[in-house]
Amino acid sequence: MPPGEKISVQNLRLSYGSKEVLHGISFTVAENEILGVIGPAQSGKSTLLRCLNRTIDFVPDARVSGTILLDGRDIRSRIDVYELRRSIGMVAPLPVGLPLTIYDNVAFAPRAAGLKNRQDLDEIVERCLRQAALWDEVKDRLNSLGTKLSGGQQQRLTIARALSHEPEVLCLDEFSIAIDPVTTMRIEDVLKELRREITIILVTNLTQQARRLADRTMFLFKGEIVELDRNDVIFSDNPASQMTYDYVNGIYG
């Protein structure tokens, strides 16, 4: 495995029944990189994330082939799936709060992993809420229901819960689709800080968000990679593909 390479995807194909959605795509993600993934609806962006942490396994007619390596280990044959999902966290487009207190939302995964010491749990909850830029807003009401928070706060709570696993990779699937621009910018600031510690894969329907946050951006179209390059290339006047130029400049999509 090349130095600094966190994820390697080779010839990944995904089919739902007889319909192939990902057509043999290959790419790598570096450690502590933010990789943006852009493209129109039905391009396979969310499906790609579900392949990376194997939540695609929950879809009965999904068929996956190819190789996905995490730190050089095959995620389908050499890594326990529960260990994998702790290593590769996922944040969905809409906040999915557990019907628990704010504290218990964040403490849920550590408790499930067997941690019972209250002081240790307190430290994890505070650390994760701080990392998600939520601590100052909720520290005096940790015993309130998480579902009573605003939409933007619930999305940051979802991020805090994902961080409680201490993931090595964090996948975000259009996290800003249902929140206001101010909260979106706050979360973007969080992601810029988190990149010092983890690798981030950001699926976004906002090309300018990928431009602001990502080191490199992948343009995915109908299950194929049109282009993957540094942002100064993808968002320039001369990307490798005219399709890329047209998409990022709003000519279609």
Protein backbone atom coordinates (compact mmCIF):
# COMPACT_ATOMS: atom_id res chain seq x y z
CA MET A 1 0.00 0.00 0.00
CA PRO A 2 1.50 3.39 -0.96
CA PRO A 3 2.43 5.61 2.01
CA GLY A 4 -0.44 7.80 3.16
CA GLU A 5 -3.11 5.87 1.26
CA LYS A 6 -6.18 5.26 3.44
CA ILE A 7 -8.68 3.74 1.01
CA SER A 8 -8.15 2.01 -2.31
CA VAL A 9 -11.11 1.11 -4.53
CA GLN A 10 -10.46 -1.09 -7.54
CA ASN A 11 -12.98 -2.02 -10.24
CA LEU A 12 -15.98 -1.52 -7.95
CA ARG A 13 -19.26 -2.65 -9.48
CA LEU A 14 -22.65 -2.51 -7.82
CA SER A 15 -25.90 -3.85 -9.19
CA TYR A 16 -29.44 -3.76 -7.86
CA GLY A 17 -30.87 -6.91 -9.39
CA SER A 18 -30.09 -6.72 -13.10
CA LYS A 19 -29.39 -2.95 -13.09
CA GLU A 20 -25.74 -2.00 -12.70
CA VAL A 21 -25.32 1.32 -10.86
CA LEU A 22 -21.55 1.55 -10.45
CA HIS A 23 -19.56 0.50 -13.50
CA GLY A 24 -16.13 -0.66 -12.39
CA ILE A 25 -14.82 2.52 -10.75
CA SER A 26 -11.33 2.82 -9.26
CA PHE A 27 -9.80 5.53 -7.06
CA THR A 28 -7.81 6.09 -3.88
CA VAL A 29 -8.25 8.39 -0.88
CA ALA A 30 -5.26 9.67 1.05
CA GLU A 31 -5.04 9.78 4.83
CA ASN A 32 -6.39 13.08 6.25
CA GLU A 33 -7.73 14.07 2.86
CA ILE A 34 -11.16 15.53 2.19
CA LEU A 35 -12.41 13.96 -1.03
CA GLY A 36 -15.44 15.67 -2.55
CA VAL A 37 -17.87 13.63 -4.64
CA ILE A 38 -20.18 15.56 -6.96
CA GLY A 39 -22.57 14.65 -9.76
CA PRO A 40 -26.24 14.76 -10.75
CA ALA A 41 -28.92 12.67 -9.03
CA GLN A 42 -28.81 8.95 -9.81
CA SER A 43 -25.06 9.02 -10.41
CA GLY A 44 -24.29 6.46 -7.68
CA LYS A 45 -22.82 8.85 -5.11
CA SER A 46 -24.79 7.61 -2.07
CA THR A 47 -24.46 4.02 -3.26
CA LEU A 48 -20.69 4.44 -3.27
CA LEU A 49 -20.69 5.52 0.39
CA ARG A 50 -22.89 2.57 1.33
CA CYS A 51 -20.38 0.24 -0.31
CA LEU A 52 -17.54 1.75 1.70
CA ASN A 53 -19.03 0.93 5.11
CA ARG A 54 -21.03 -2.07 3.93
CA THR A 55 -24.47 -0.74 4.81
CA ILE A 56 -25.20 -1.87 1.24
CA ASP A 57 -25.30 -5.36 2.80
CA PHE A 58 -28.77 -4.51 4.10
CA VAL A 59 -30.15 -4.33 0.54
CA PRO A 60 -31.22 -7.89 -0.42
CA ASP A 61 -30.78 -7.58 -4.20
CA ALA A 62 -27.51 -5.59 -4.13
CA ARG A 63 -24.53 -7.33 -5.71
CA VAL A 64 -21.03 -5.96 -5.20
CA SER A 65 -17.80 -6.92 -6.93
CA GLY A 66 -14.32 -5.46 -7.02
CA THR A 67 -11.99 -4.61 -4.16
CA ILE A 68 -12.15 -2.00 -1.40
CA LEU A 69 -9.11 -1.77 0.86
CA LEU A 70 -8.96 0.11 4.16
CA ASP A 71 -5.34 0.47 5.26
CA GLY A 72 -4.54 -2.33 2.87
CA ARG A 73 -7.16 -4.72 4.29
CA ASP A 74 -10.02 -6.01 2.15
CA ILE A 75 -13.23 -4.79 3.80
CA ARG A 76 -15.29 -7.68 2.44
CA SER A 77 -13.10 -10.63 3.37
CA ARG A 78 -10.66 -9.57 6.08
CA ILE A 79 -12.46 -7.08 8.33
CA ASP A 80 -15.30 -7.79 10.76
CA VAL A 81 -18.28 -5.74 9.56
CA TYR A 82 -18.92 -4.21 12.99
CA GLU A 83 -15.28 -3.20 13.28
CA LEU A 84 -15.54 -1.72 9.79
CA ARG A 85 -18.58 0.43 10.62
CA ARG A 86 -16.78 1.74 13.68
CA SER A 87 -13.83 2.64 11.45
CA ILE A 88 -15.91 4.23 8.67
CA GLY A 89 -18.60 6.48 10.15
CA MET A 90 -21.60 7.69 8.17
CA VAL A 91 -23.70 10.87 8.37
CA ALA A 92 -26.98 10.75 6.41
CA PRO A 93 -28.59 13.63 4.47
CA LEU A 94 -31.31 14.09 7.09
CA PRO A 95 -30.48 14.02 10.82
CA VAL A 96 -31.50 10.72 12.38
CA GLY A 97 -31.71 11.31 16.10
CA LEU A 98 -32.26 8.40 18.43
CA PRO A 99 -35.27 8.87 20.76
CA LEU A 100 -32.84 9.41 23.63
CA THR A 101 -31.32 12.31 25.52
CA ILE A 102 -28.56 14.34 23.93
CA TYR A 103 -26.09 12.64 26.26
CA ASP A 104 -27.34 9.14 25.47
CA ASN A 105 -27.30 9.78 21.72
CA VAL A 106 -23.54 10.30 21.89
CA ALA A 107 -22.88 7.69 24.58
CA PHE A 108 -24.89 5.00 22.79
CA ALA A 109 -22.06 3.50 20.71
CA PRO A 110 -19.40 3.52 23.47
CA ARG A 111 -21.89 1.81 25.81
CA ALA A 112 -22.72 -0.75 23.14
CA ALA A 113 -19.00 -1.45 22.85
CA GLY A 114 -18.92 -2.23 26.59
CA LEU A 115 -17.79 1.06 28.14
CA LYS A 116 -19.55 1.62 31.47
CA ASN A 117 -17.35 4.04 33.40
CA ARG A 118 -19.31 7.28 33.79
CA GLN A 119 -16.28 9.54 33.82
CA ASP A 120 -15.00 8.02 30.58
CA LEU A 121 -18.44 8.40 29.00
CA ASP A 122 -18.64 12.02 30.16
CA GLU A 123 -15.31 12.74 28.52
CA ILE A 124 -16.36 11.12 25.24
CA VAL A 125 -19.67 12.97 25.14
CA GLU A 126 -18.05 16.34 25.78
CA ARG A 127 -15.23 15.72 23.29
CA CYS A 128 -17.58 14.66 20.51
CA LEU A 129 -20.03 17.49 21.11
CA ARG A 130 -17.15 19.96 21.07
CA GLN A 131 -15.81 18.45 17.85
CA ALA A 132 -19.28 18.89 16.33
CA ALA A 133 -19.46 22.54 17.52
CA LEU A 134 -22.51 21.76 19.64
CA TRP A 135 -21.21 21.63 23.22
CA ASP A 136 -21.72 25.28 24.11
CA GLU A 137 -25.34 25.14 22.95
CA VAL A 138 -26.38 21.99 24.81
CA LYS A 139 -24.02 21.54 27.79
CA ASP A 140 -26.71 22.70 30.22
CA ARG A 141 -29.42 20.39 28.86
CA LEU A 142 -27.71 17.11 28.12
CA ASN A 143 -30.67 15.24 29.62
CA SER A 144 -33.11 16.78 27.13
CA LEU A 145 -34.31 14.74 24.17
CA GLY A 146 -32.06 15.02 21.14
CA THR A 147 -35.12 15.04 18.90
CA LYS A 148 -36.16 18.38 20.44
CA LEU A 149 -33.14 20.16 18.96
CA SER A 150 -33.37 22.27 15.83
CA GLY A 151 -32.63 20.64 12.49
CA GLY A 152 -29.13 22.06 12.32
CA GLN A 153 -28.40 21.04 15.90
CA GLN A 154 -29.70 17.53 15.24
CA GLN A 155 -27.38 17.23 12.24
CA ARG A 156 -24.43 18.24 14.41
CA LEU A 157 -25.62 15.74 17.03
CA THR A 158 -25.56 13.09 14.30
CA ILE A 159 -21.95 14.05 13.56
CA ALA A 160 -21.09 13.87 17.27
CA ARG A 161 -22.65 10.41 17.45
CA ALA A 162 -20.62 9.28 14.42
CA LEU A 163 -17.45 10.62 16.05
CA SER A 164 -18.13 8.65 19.25
CA HIS A 165 -16.98 5.54 17.37
CA GLU A 166 -13.60 7.28 16.91
CA PRO A 167 -13.76 6.58 13.17
CA GLU A 168 -10.74 6.69 10.91
CA VAL A 169 -12.94 7.74 7.97
CA LEU A 170 -16.07 9.90 8.05
CA CYS A 171 -18.51 9.73 5.12
CA LEU A 172 -21.04 12.53 4.78
CA ASP A 173 -23.95 12.21 2.37
CA GLU A 174 -25.27 15.68 1.47
CA PHE A 175 -25.26 16.71 5.14
CA SER A 176 -26.46 20.24 4.37
CA ILE A 177 -29.52 19.33 2.31
CA ALA A 178 -32.02 20.25 5.07
CA ILE A 179 -30.21 22.90 7.10
CA ASP A 180 -29.73 26.63 6.79
CA PRO A 181 -26.62 28.28 5.28
CA VAL A 182 -25.32 29.57 8.63
CA THR A 183 -25.40 26.08 10.18
CA THR A 184 -23.90 24.66 6.99
CA MET A 185 -20.92 26.97 7.33
CA ARG A 186 -20.49 26.02 10.99
CA ILE A 187 -20.36 22.34 10.06
CA GLU A 188 -17.93 23.09 7.25
CA ASP A 189 -15.63 24.72 9.82
CA VAL A 190 -15.96 21.55 11.94
CA LEU A 191 -14.92 19.40 8.99
CA LYS A 192 -11.87 21.55 8.32
CA GLU A 193 -10.76 20.91 11.91
CA LEU A 194 -11.58 17.19 11.82
CA ARG A 195 -9.41 16.61 8.76
CA ARG A 196 -6.37 16.88 11.03
CA GLU A 197 -7.43 13.61 12.66
CA ILE A 198 -9.50 11.65 10.13
CA THR A 199 -10.13 11.13 6.43
CA ILE A 200 -13.37 12.60 5.07
CA ILE A 201 -15.41 11.66 2.01
CA LEU A 202 -17.99 14.31 1.25
CA VAL A 203 -20.87 13.66 -1.13
CA THR A 204 -22.49 16.98 -1.90
CA ASN A 205 -25.03 18.40 -4.30
CA LEU A 206 -23.37 21.80 -3.89
CA THR A 207 -20.37 22.10 -6.19
CA GLN A 208 -19.19 25.22 -4.36
CA GLN A 209 -19.16 23.27 -1.10
CA ALA A 210 -16.81 20.73 -2.64
CA ARG A 211 -14.72 23.60 -3.95
CA ARG A 212 -14.48 25.17 -0.47
CA LEU A 213 -13.76 21.99 1.49
CA ALA A 214 -12.17 19.28 -0.60
CA ASP A 215 -8.53 18.68 -1.50
CA ARG A 216 -9.62 16.71 -4.54
CA THR A 217 -13.03 16.25 -6.14
CA MET A 218 -14.50 13.32 -8.03
CA PHE A 219 -17.13 13.98 -10.67
CA LEU A 220 -19.36 10.91 -10.84
CA PHE A 221 -21.87 10.58 -13.69
CA LYS A 222 -24.16 7.59 -14.28
CA GLY A 223 -21.93 5.32 -12.20
CA GLU A 224 -18.66 6.25 -13.86
CA ILE A 225 -15.87 8.60 -12.84
CA VAL A 226 -15.68 11.38 -15.40
CA GLU A 227 -12.79 13.08 -13.65
CA LEU A 228 -10.97 13.03 -10.32
CA ASP A 229 -8.30 15.61 -9.65
CA ARG A 230 -7.12 18.39 -7.38
CA ASN A 231 -9.62 21.17 -6.89
CA ASP A 232 -7.45 23.68 -8.69
CA VAL A 233 -7.88 21.51 -11.79
CA ILE A 234 -11.52 20.40 -11.40
CA PHE A 235 -12.74 23.95 -10.80
CA SER A 236 -10.47 25.65 -13.30
CA ASP A 237 -11.28 26.84 -16.81
CA ASN A 238 -9.48 23.80 -18.19
CA PRO A 239 -10.45 20.54 -16.46
CA ALA A 240 -9.68 17.38 -18.41
CA SER A 241 -13.31 16.86 -19.41
CA GLN A 242 -15.72 19.35 -20.96
CA MET A 243 -18.46 17.55 -19.01
CA THR A 244 -16.74 18.54 -15.78
CA TYR A 245 -16.52 22.18 -16.83
CA ASP A 246 -20.19 22.22 -17.84
CA TYR A 247 -21.35 20.61 -14.59
CA VAL A 248 -19.38 22.73 -12.13
CA ASN A 249 -20.39 25.87 -13.99
CA GLY A 250 -24.09 25.02 -13.87
CA ILE A 251 -24.56 24.49 -17.60
CA TYR A 252 -26.38 21.26 -16.73
CA GLY A 253 -27.10 19.17 -13.66
